[in-house]
């Protein structure tokens, strides 16, 4: 509460918000490594030091992404949902009071409103994709900072995870998180399809053979990535083997029929989804229908300098690979910064393709036609 009351103490609420945005956007965010997060939460951690850092850093991260949101196409900014998100972030810059759990689906709804009103525009779509990657990554980082501070300095210990430092597990057992994510995805798969594939885990520890793999990481981030991959793999596997008595197992490598090459890029697009359009506030599966599961999962991987990639063979299946940094000193936050390079990205005009676009049917050159 002290942080919430004091961050912008003495400032007149929203009237001065543009001035704050302009001021704080001139500073670059300060990315932290996983080791620095651990040091902040060690037994001799200083709450005052953490508070001072947050008071300086949070406005900078908010202001940098707020400068970029204004560079989106006017037709996107004019949608009610995007205007609502914009007002939340402007208000947060002044009060830092609410974390707004509905930011992701509300922004997604804004994109849907834009597409329904104006259709597809390649230049706008490119800018939207670029912005949303940076917008959601900024949000992940802000929530990480706030969660670390509140979990460490609220005076209590999580009995389920007493060794966690905030949301970080210094000895995260990767296979345990894999099983937890699989179990939850299996529960959903059994509920909707009345069947689910088994899981096969092959754990290879190059440094300590026959020992489980441990690393410094945020289990909730890893769980989010794995759950999304398992959910997609199970759905594809069950639907492509409807007539089979048994289902092939999954091991972050499925036999769900694969993805056509022309559709691979769409899997990480915020503007593409195969599911029906959801309604906000219906209480269904989070982000179902928005098509944000894989893009957000990849951002969680990239947040600490990792990545998530898919390799698919159409007609057979798909391999998913999550890359994570093994050393806490290498796991440094990946943060967007508003500068001239970012500004220029939004000004880029897409020119005509310099490659031939194949037609649906070959031209008939045997006869001359007058049109």
Protein backbone atom coordinates (compact mmCIF):
# COMPACT_ATOMS: atom_id res chain seq x y z
CA UNK A 1 0.00 0.00 0.00
CA UNK A 2 2.88 2.34 0.73
CA UNK A 3 4.03 2.06 -2.87
CA UNK A 4 0.53 2.68 -4.18
CA UNK A 5 0.03 5.81 -2.06
CA UNK A 6 3.43 7.37 -2.50
CA UNK A 7 4.49 6.74 -6.09
CA UNK A 8 2.97 9.91 -7.47
CA UNK A 9 2.30 11.73 -4.23
CA UNK A 10 1.66 15.44 -4.62
CA UNK A 11 0.75 15.27 -8.32
CA UNK A 12 -2.67 16.33 -9.58
CA UNK A 13 -4.27 13.19 -11.03
CA UNK A 14 -4.96 12.83 -14.72
CA UNK A 15 -4.65 16.50 -15.70
CA UNK A 16 -0.87 16.27 -15.79
CA UNK A 17 -0.66 12.80 -17.34
CA UNK A 18 0.65 13.94 -20.78
CA UNK A 19 3.43 15.85 -19.03
CA UNK A 20 4.39 12.75 -17.02
CA UNK A 21 4.39 10.57 -20.13
CA UNK A 22 6.62 13.01 -22.00
CA UNK A 23 9.01 13.29 -19.05
CA UNK A 24 9.40 9.61 -18.14
CA UNK A 25 9.53 8.42 -21.76
CA UNK A 26 12.87 10.24 -22.11
CA UNK A 27 14.44 7.60 -19.85
CA UNK A 28 15.25 4.04 -20.91
CA UNK A 29 13.96 1.13 -18.81
CA UNK A 30 16.50 -0.68 -16.65
CA UNK A 31 16.31 -4.43 -17.31
CA UNK A 32 17.05 -6.74 -14.39
CA UNK A 33 18.66 -10.16 -14.56
CA UNK A 34 17.24 -13.17 -12.77
CA UNK A 35 20.20 -12.93 -10.37
CA UNK A 36 19.31 -9.33 -9.54
CA UNK A 37 15.73 -10.39 -8.85
CA UNK A 38 17.09 -13.01 -6.46
CA UNK A 39 19.37 -10.47 -4.78
CA UNK A 40 16.43 -8.11 -4.30
CA UNK A 41 14.57 -10.89 -2.53
CA UNK A 42 17.39 -12.36 -0.46
CA UNK A 43 17.21 -12.63 3.31
CA UNK A 44 18.89 -9.24 3.79
CA UNK A 45 16.78 -7.51 1.13
CA UNK A 46 15.94 -3.88 1.80
CA UNK A 47 12.29 -2.95 1.29
CA UNK A 48 13.23 0.72 0.96
CA UNK A 49 15.68 -0.02 -1.86
CA UNK A 50 13.06 -2.06 -3.69
CA UNK A 51 10.47 0.67 -3.18
CA UNK A 52 12.78 3.41 -4.50
CA UNK A 53 13.61 1.33 -7.58
CA UNK A 54 9.93 0.71 -8.32
CA UNK A 55 9.07 4.36 -7.82
CA UNK A 56 11.62 5.29 -10.48
CA UNK A 57 11.26 2.32 -12.84
CA UNK A 58 7.51 1.72 -13.17
CA UNK A 59 6.70 5.19 -14.58
CA UNK A 60 9.53 4.80 -17.10
CA UNK A 61 8.23 1.45 -18.38
CA UNK A 62 4.65 2.71 -18.53
CA UNK A 63 5.57 5.97 -20.27
CA UNK A 64 7.71 4.26 -22.90
CA UNK A 65 4.88 2.01 -24.05
CA UNK A 66 2.33 4.84 -23.79
CA UNK A 67 4.35 6.86 -26.30
CA UNK A 68 4.12 3.96 -28.72
CA UNK A 69 0.40 3.36 -28.35
CA UNK A 70 -0.20 6.82 -29.80
CA UNK A 71 1.63 5.77 -32.98
CA UNK A 72 -0.93 3.10 -33.83
CA UNK A 73 -3.25 3.79 -36.78
CA UNK A 74 -6.04 6.24 -35.89
CA UNK A 75 -8.62 3.62 -36.80
CA UNK A 76 -7.20 1.31 -34.13
CA UNK A 77 -6.94 4.06 -31.51
CA UNK A 78 -10.56 5.05 -32.13
CA UNK A 79 -11.99 1.68 -31.07
CA UNK A 80 -13.71 1.78 -27.65
CA UNK A 81 -11.67 -1.08 -26.18
CA UNK A 82 -8.29 0.41 -27.13
CA UNK A 83 -9.38 3.79 -25.74
CA UNK A 84 -10.31 2.02 -22.49
CA UNK A 85 -6.88 0.37 -22.23
CA UNK A 86 -5.23 3.71 -23.02
CA UNK A 87 -7.15 5.39 -20.19
CA UNK A 88 -6.15 2.59 -17.79
CA UNK A 89 -2.47 3.02 -18.55
CA UNK A 90 -2.68 6.81 -18.39
CA UNK A 91 -4.37 6.53 -15.02
CA UNK A 92 -1.85 3.93 -13.84
CA UNK A 93 1.02 6.28 -14.64
CA UNK A 94 -0.43 8.73 -12.14
CA UNK A 95 -1.76 6.39 -9.46
CA UNK A 96 -0.10 2.97 -9.97
CA UNK A 97 -3.09 1.60 -8.17
CA UNK A 98 -4.82 -1.06 -10.27
CA UNK A 99 -3.15 -3.73 -12.34
CA UNK A 100 -6.23 -4.35 -14.51
CA UNK A 101 -6.31 -8.09 -15.13
CA UNK A 102 -8.53 -7.50 -18.16
CA UNK A 103 -5.91 -5.56 -20.14
CA UNK A 104 -5.04 -8.45 -22.49
CA UNK A 105 -8.59 -9.50 -23.48
CA UNK A 106 -9.75 -5.88 -23.67
CA UNK A 107 -6.94 -4.94 -26.03
CA UNK A 108 -7.70 -8.09 -28.02
CA UNK A 109 -11.33 -6.98 -28.25
CA UNK A 110 -10.11 -3.64 -29.60
CA UNK A 111 -8.26 -5.42 -32.41
CA UNK A 112 -11.42 -7.39 -33.22
CA UNK A 113 -13.46 -4.17 -33.32
CA UNK A 114 -10.93 -2.62 -35.70
CA UNK A 115 -10.96 -5.61 -38.05
CA UNK A 116 -14.75 -5.78 -38.10
CA UNK A 117 -14.98 -2.09 -38.97
CA UNK A 118 -12.13 -1.75 -41.46
CA UNK A 119 -11.06 -5.24 -42.54
CA UNK A 120 -7.43 -6.22 -43.13
CA UNK A 121 -4.73 -3.73 -44.04
CA UNK A 122 -1.17 -5.14 -44.40
CA UNK A 123 0.57 -1.97 -43.15
CA UNK A 124 -1.73 -1.55 -40.16
CA UNK A 125 -1.52 -5.26 -39.34
CA UNK A 126 2.28 -5.08 -39.34
CA UNK A 127 2.25 -2.12 -36.95
CA UNK A 128 -0.34 -3.76 -34.70
CA UNK A 129 1.73 -6.96 -34.47
CA UNK A 130 4.90 -4.99 -33.67
CA UNK A 131 3.13 -2.88 -31.04
CA UNK A 132 1.27 -5.72 -29.29
CA UNK A 133 4.48 -7.74 -28.87
CA UNK A 134 6.06 -4.76 -27.13
CA UNK A 135 2.89 -3.78 -25.25
CA UNK A 136 2.32 -7.21 -23.72
CA UNK A 137 6.02 -7.71 -22.98
CA UNK A 138 6.03 -4.39 -21.13
CA UNK A 139 2.98 -5.52 -19.17
CA UNK A 140 4.64 -8.83 -18.24
CA UNK A 141 7.65 -6.91 -16.91
CA UNK A 142 5.54 -4.48 -14.87
CA UNK A 143 3.54 -7.30 -13.29
CA UNK A 144 6.80 -9.10 -12.52
CA UNK A 145 8.18 -6.08 -10.64
CA UNK A 146 4.98 -5.51 -8.69
CA UNK A 147 4.55 -9.19 -7.85
CA UNK A 148 8.13 -9.51 -6.62
CA UNK A 149 7.77 -6.51 -4.32
CA UNK A 150 4.38 -7.49 -2.88
CA UNK A 151 5.20 -11.20 -2.46
CA UNK A 152 8.55 -10.56 -0.78
CA UNK A 153 7.66 -7.68 1.51
CA UNK A 154 4.08 -8.48 2.56
CA UNK A 155 5.45 -10.18 5.68
CA UNK A 156 4.23 -13.71 4.94
CA UNK A 157 5.61 -16.87 3.35
CA UNK A 158 3.76 -19.02 0.85
CA UNK A 159 3.40 -22.36 2.67
CA UNK A 160 3.10 -24.22 -0.64
CA UNK A 161 6.41 -22.78 -1.88
CA UNK A 162 8.46 -21.70 1.14
CA UNK A 163 11.73 -21.58 -0.83
CA UNK A 164 10.43 -19.30 -3.56
CA UNK A 165 11.84 -15.79 -3.69
CA UNK A 166 8.76 -13.89 -4.71
CA UNK A 167 7.55 -15.66 -7.83
CA UNK A 168 11.01 -17.09 -8.64
CA UNK A 169 12.00 -20.65 -7.77
CA UNK A 170 15.82 -20.84 -7.34
CA UNK A 171 15.59 -24.62 -7.91
CA UNK A 172 12.74 -24.96 -10.36
CA UNK A 173 12.22 -28.63 -11.26
CA UNK A 174 11.41 -28.49 -14.96
CA UNK A 175 9.82 -31.94 -15.21
CA UNK A 176 7.48 -31.16 -12.29
CA UNK A 177 6.20 -28.07 -14.09
CA UNK A 178 5.81 -30.12 -17.28
CA UNK A 179 3.65 -32.66 -15.44
CA UNK A 180 1.54 -29.95 -13.77
CA UNK A 181 0.86 -28.29 -17.13
CA UNK A 182 0.07 -31.64 -18.74
CA UNK A 183 -2.33 -32.63 -15.97
CA UNK A 184 -4.33 -29.41 -16.35
CA UNK A 185 -4.41 -29.68 -20.14
CA UNK A 186 -5.45 -33.34 -19.84
CA UNK A 187 -8.30 -32.32 -17.52
CA UNK A 188 -9.63 -29.89 -20.13
CA UNK A 189 -9.11 -32.36 -22.97
CA UNK A 190 -10.99 -35.11 -21.13
CA UNK A 191 -13.79 -32.67 -20.37
CA UNK A 192 -14.36 -31.62 -23.99
CA UNK A 193 -13.28 -34.71 -25.96
CA UNK A 194 -13.70 -37.52 -23.38
CA UNK A 195 -10.21 -38.67 -24.31
CA UNK A 196 -6.64 -37.44 -24.10
CA UNK A 197 -3.17 -38.60 -25.22
CA UNK A 198 -0.58 -39.85 -22.76
CA UNK A 199 2.60 -37.99 -21.91
CA UNK A 200 6.13 -39.25 -22.47
CA UNK A 201 8.99 -37.41 -20.76
CA UNK A 202 12.61 -37.99 -21.68
CA UNK A 203 14.80 -35.95 -19.36
CA UNK A 204 18.44 -35.53 -20.36
CA UNK A 205 20.77 -33.64 -18.01
CA UNK A 206 24.06 -33.09 -19.83
CA UNK A 207 25.88 -31.76 -16.75
CA UNK A 208 24.59 -34.30 -14.21
CA UNK A 209 23.45 -37.48 -15.96
CA UNK A 210 20.45 -39.28 -14.43
CA UNK A 211 19.63 -36.22 -12.32
CA UNK A 212 16.51 -34.05 -12.72
CA UNK A 213 16.98 -30.67 -14.40
CA UNK A 214 16.77 -27.66 -12.08
CA UNK A 215 17.10 -24.01 -13.01
CA UNK A 216 16.38 -20.54 -11.69
CA UNK A 217 13.08 -19.53 -13.24
CA UNK A 218 9.53 -18.32 -12.71
CA UNK A 219 7.42 -21.52 -12.58
CA UNK A 220 4.20 -19.69 -13.48
CA UNK A 221 5.79 -18.39 -16.71
CA UNK A 222 7.03 -21.85 -17.69
CA UNK A 223 3.66 -23.35 -16.78
CA UNK A 224 1.86 -20.84 -19.01
CA UNK A 225 4.02 -21.78 -22.00
CA UNK A 226 3.75 -25.53 -21.45
CA UNK A 227 0.01 -25.50 -20.79
CA UNK A 228 -0.64 -23.67 -24.06
CA UNK A 229 1.54 -26.11 -26.01
CA UNK A 230 -0.04 -29.16 -24.39
CA UNK A 231 -3.54 -27.80 -24.97
CA UNK A 232 -2.85 -27.25 -28.67
CA UNK A 233 -1.10 -30.62 -29.05
CA UNK A 234 -3.93 -32.50 -27.36
CA UNK A 235 -6.62 -30.80 -29.41
CA UNK A 236 -4.79 -31.51 -32.67
CA UNK A 237 -4.03 -35.11 -31.68
CA UNK A 238 -7.58 -35.99 -30.65
CA UNK A 239 -9.20 -34.29 -33.65
CA UNK A 240 -6.84 -35.90 -36.18
CA UNK A 241 -7.29 -39.40 -34.68
CA UNK A 242 -11.04 -39.42 -34.17
CA UNK A 243 -11.44 -42.85 -35.75
CA UNK A 244 -8.52 -44.43 -33.85
CA UNK A 245 -9.00 -46.63 -30.80
CA UNK A 246 -5.75 -45.34 -29.27
CA UNK A 247 -4.05 -41.96 -29.34
CA UNK A 248 -0.33 -41.41 -29.99
CA UNK A 249 1.52 -39.92 -27.00
CA UNK A 250 2.77 -36.34 -26.88
CA UNK A 251 6.19 -35.20 -25.69
CA UNK A 252 6.20 -31.56 -26.78
CA UNK A 253 6.18 -33.32 -30.14
CA UNK A 254 2.77 -34.41 -31.39
CA UNK A 255 1.24 -36.33 -34.28
CA UNK A 256 -1.69 -34.00 -34.67
CA UNK A 257 -1.48 -33.60 -38.43
CA UNK A 258 0.91 -30.65 -38.50
CA UNK A 259 0.35 -27.14 -39.81
CA UNK A 260 0.49 -26.10 -43.49
CA UNK A 261 3.63 -24.12 -44.29
CA UNK A 262 1.57 -21.13 -45.44
CA UNK A 263 -0.05 -20.91 -42.01
CA UNK A 264 3.03 -21.20 -39.76
CA UNK A 265 3.52 -17.43 -39.49
CA UNK A 266 -0.13 -16.97 -38.50
CA UNK A 267 0.31 -19.07 -35.36
CA UNK A 268 2.10 -16.19 -33.63
CA UNK A 269 -0.14 -13.46 -35.05
CA UNK A 270 -2.58 -11.53 -32.85
CA UNK A 271 -4.78 -11.05 -35.91
CA UNK A 272 -5.47 -14.71 -36.58
CA UNK A 273 -7.52 -17.30 -34.70
CA UNK A 274 -9.32 -20.48 -35.73
CA UNK A 275 -11.72 -20.37 -32.78
CA UNK A 276 -15.06 -18.50 -32.68
CA UNK A 277 -14.97 -14.90 -31.46
CA UNK A 278 -15.38 -14.87 -27.65
CA UNK A 279 -17.40 -12.50 -25.53
CA UNK A 280 -15.71 -10.56 -22.74
CA UNK A 281 -16.89 -11.42 -19.25
CA UNK A 282 -18.42 -14.80 -20.16
CA UNK A 283 -16.24 -16.63 -17.65
CA UNK A 284 -14.91 -19.10 -20.22
CA UNK A 285 -11.38 -20.21 -20.80
CA UNK A 286 -9.07 -17.13 -20.66
CA UNK A 287 -8.32 -15.74 -24.13
CA UNK A 288 -10.23 -18.55 -25.85
CA UNK A 289 -10.93 -17.44 -29.38
CA UNK A 290 -8.57 -14.47 -29.37
CA UNK A 291 -5.72 -16.61 -30.68
CA UNK A 292 -3.33 -15.08 -28.15
CA UNK A 293 -2.13 -18.28 -26.48
CA UNK A 294 0.97 -18.90 -28.60
CA UNK A 295 1.99 -15.23 -29.11
CA UNK A 296 1.81 -14.53 -25.36
CA UNK A 297 3.61 -17.79 -24.54
CA UNK A 298 6.46 -16.81 -26.85
CA UNK A 299 6.68 -13.43 -25.09
CA UNK A 300 7.02 -15.19 -21.71
CA UNK A 301 9.95 -17.14 -23.18
CA UNK A 302 11.51 -14.03 -24.71
CA UNK A 303 11.08 -11.99 -21.51
CA UNK A 304 14.22 -13.56 -20.03
CA UNK A 305 16.11 -13.85 -23.36
CA UNK A 306 14.65 -17.21 -24.39
CA UNK A 307 12.36 -18.15 -27.27
CA UNK A 308 9.56 -20.49 -28.32
CA UNK A 309 9.61 -21.99 -31.80
CA UNK A 310 7.42 -24.43 -33.69
CA UNK A 311 8.60 -26.86 -36.38
CA UNK A 312 5.74 -28.52 -38.22
CA UNK A 313 5.46 -31.23 -40.87
CA UNK A 314 2.11 -31.04 -42.61
CA UNK A 315 0.24 -34.34 -42.47
CA UNK A 316 2.27 -35.66 -39.53
CA UNK A 317 2.77 -33.40 -36.52
CA UNK A 318 4.55 -30.53 -34.83
CA UNK A 319 7.60 -30.13 -32.61
CA UNK A 320 7.67 -27.30 -30.07
CA UNK A 321 10.96 -26.04 -28.63
CA UNK A 322 11.27 -23.70 -25.64
CA UNK A 323 14.69 -22.08 -25.27
CA UNK A 324 15.60 -20.81 -21.78
CA UNK A 325 18.82 -19.38 -20.37
CA UNK A 326 20.50 -21.80 -17.98
CA UNK A 327 22.40 -19.14 -15.99
CA UNK A 328 20.60 -16.56 -13.87
CA UNK A 329 23.15 -13.92 -14.92
CA UNK A 330 22.19 -14.45 -18.58
CA UNK A 331 18.44 -14.32 -17.92
CA UNK A 332 18.02 -10.57 -18.32
CA UNK A 333 14.71 -8.84 -18.94
CA UNK A 334 13.94 -8.04 -22.56
CA UNK A 335 12.23 -4.64 -22.49
CA UNK A 336 10.86 -2.35 -25.19
CA UNK A 337 12.19 1.21 -25.28
CA UNK A 338 10.65 4.14 -27.12
CA UNK A 339 13.25 5.78 -29.35
CA UNK A 340 13.75 6.88 -32.96
CA UNK A 341 14.14 3.31 -34.14
CA UNK A 342 10.76 2.38 -32.68
CA UNK A 343 9.17 5.55 -34.08
CA UNK A 344 10.53 4.81 -37.57
CA UNK A 345 9.01 1.35 -37.49
CA UNK A 346 5.52 2.84 -37.38
CA UNK A 347 6.31 5.17 -40.28
CA UNK A 348 7.39 2.39 -42.63
CA UNK A 349 5.25 2.11 -45.74
CA UNK A 350 4.93 -1.36 -47.17
CA UNK A 351 5.88 -1.36 -50.84
CA UNK A 352 4.70 -3.72 -53.54
CA UNK A 353 6.12 -7.24 -53.36
CA UNK A 354 9.14 -7.73 -55.64
CA UNK A 355 8.25 -11.40 -56.18
CA UNK A 356 5.53 -12.72 -58.48
CA UNK A 357 2.30 -13.70 -56.77
CA UNK A 358 1.10 -17.08 -58.08
CA UNK A 359 -2.35 -17.12 -59.64
CA UNK A 360 -4.96 -19.70 -58.73
CA UNK A 361 -4.97 -21.08 -62.27
CA UNK A 362 -2.28 -21.05 -65.00
CA UNK A 363 -2.84 -18.60 -67.79
CA UNK A 364 -4.28 -19.96 -71.02
CA UNK A 365 -1.84 -18.73 -73.69
CA UNK A 366 -3.10 -21.01 -76.47
CA UNK A 367 -5.61 -18.43 -77.71
CA UNK A 368 -5.56 -14.69 -77.94
CA UNK A 369 -8.37 -13.03 -76.07
CA UNK A 370 -9.59 -9.49 -76.51
CA UNK A 371 -10.81 -7.98 -73.22
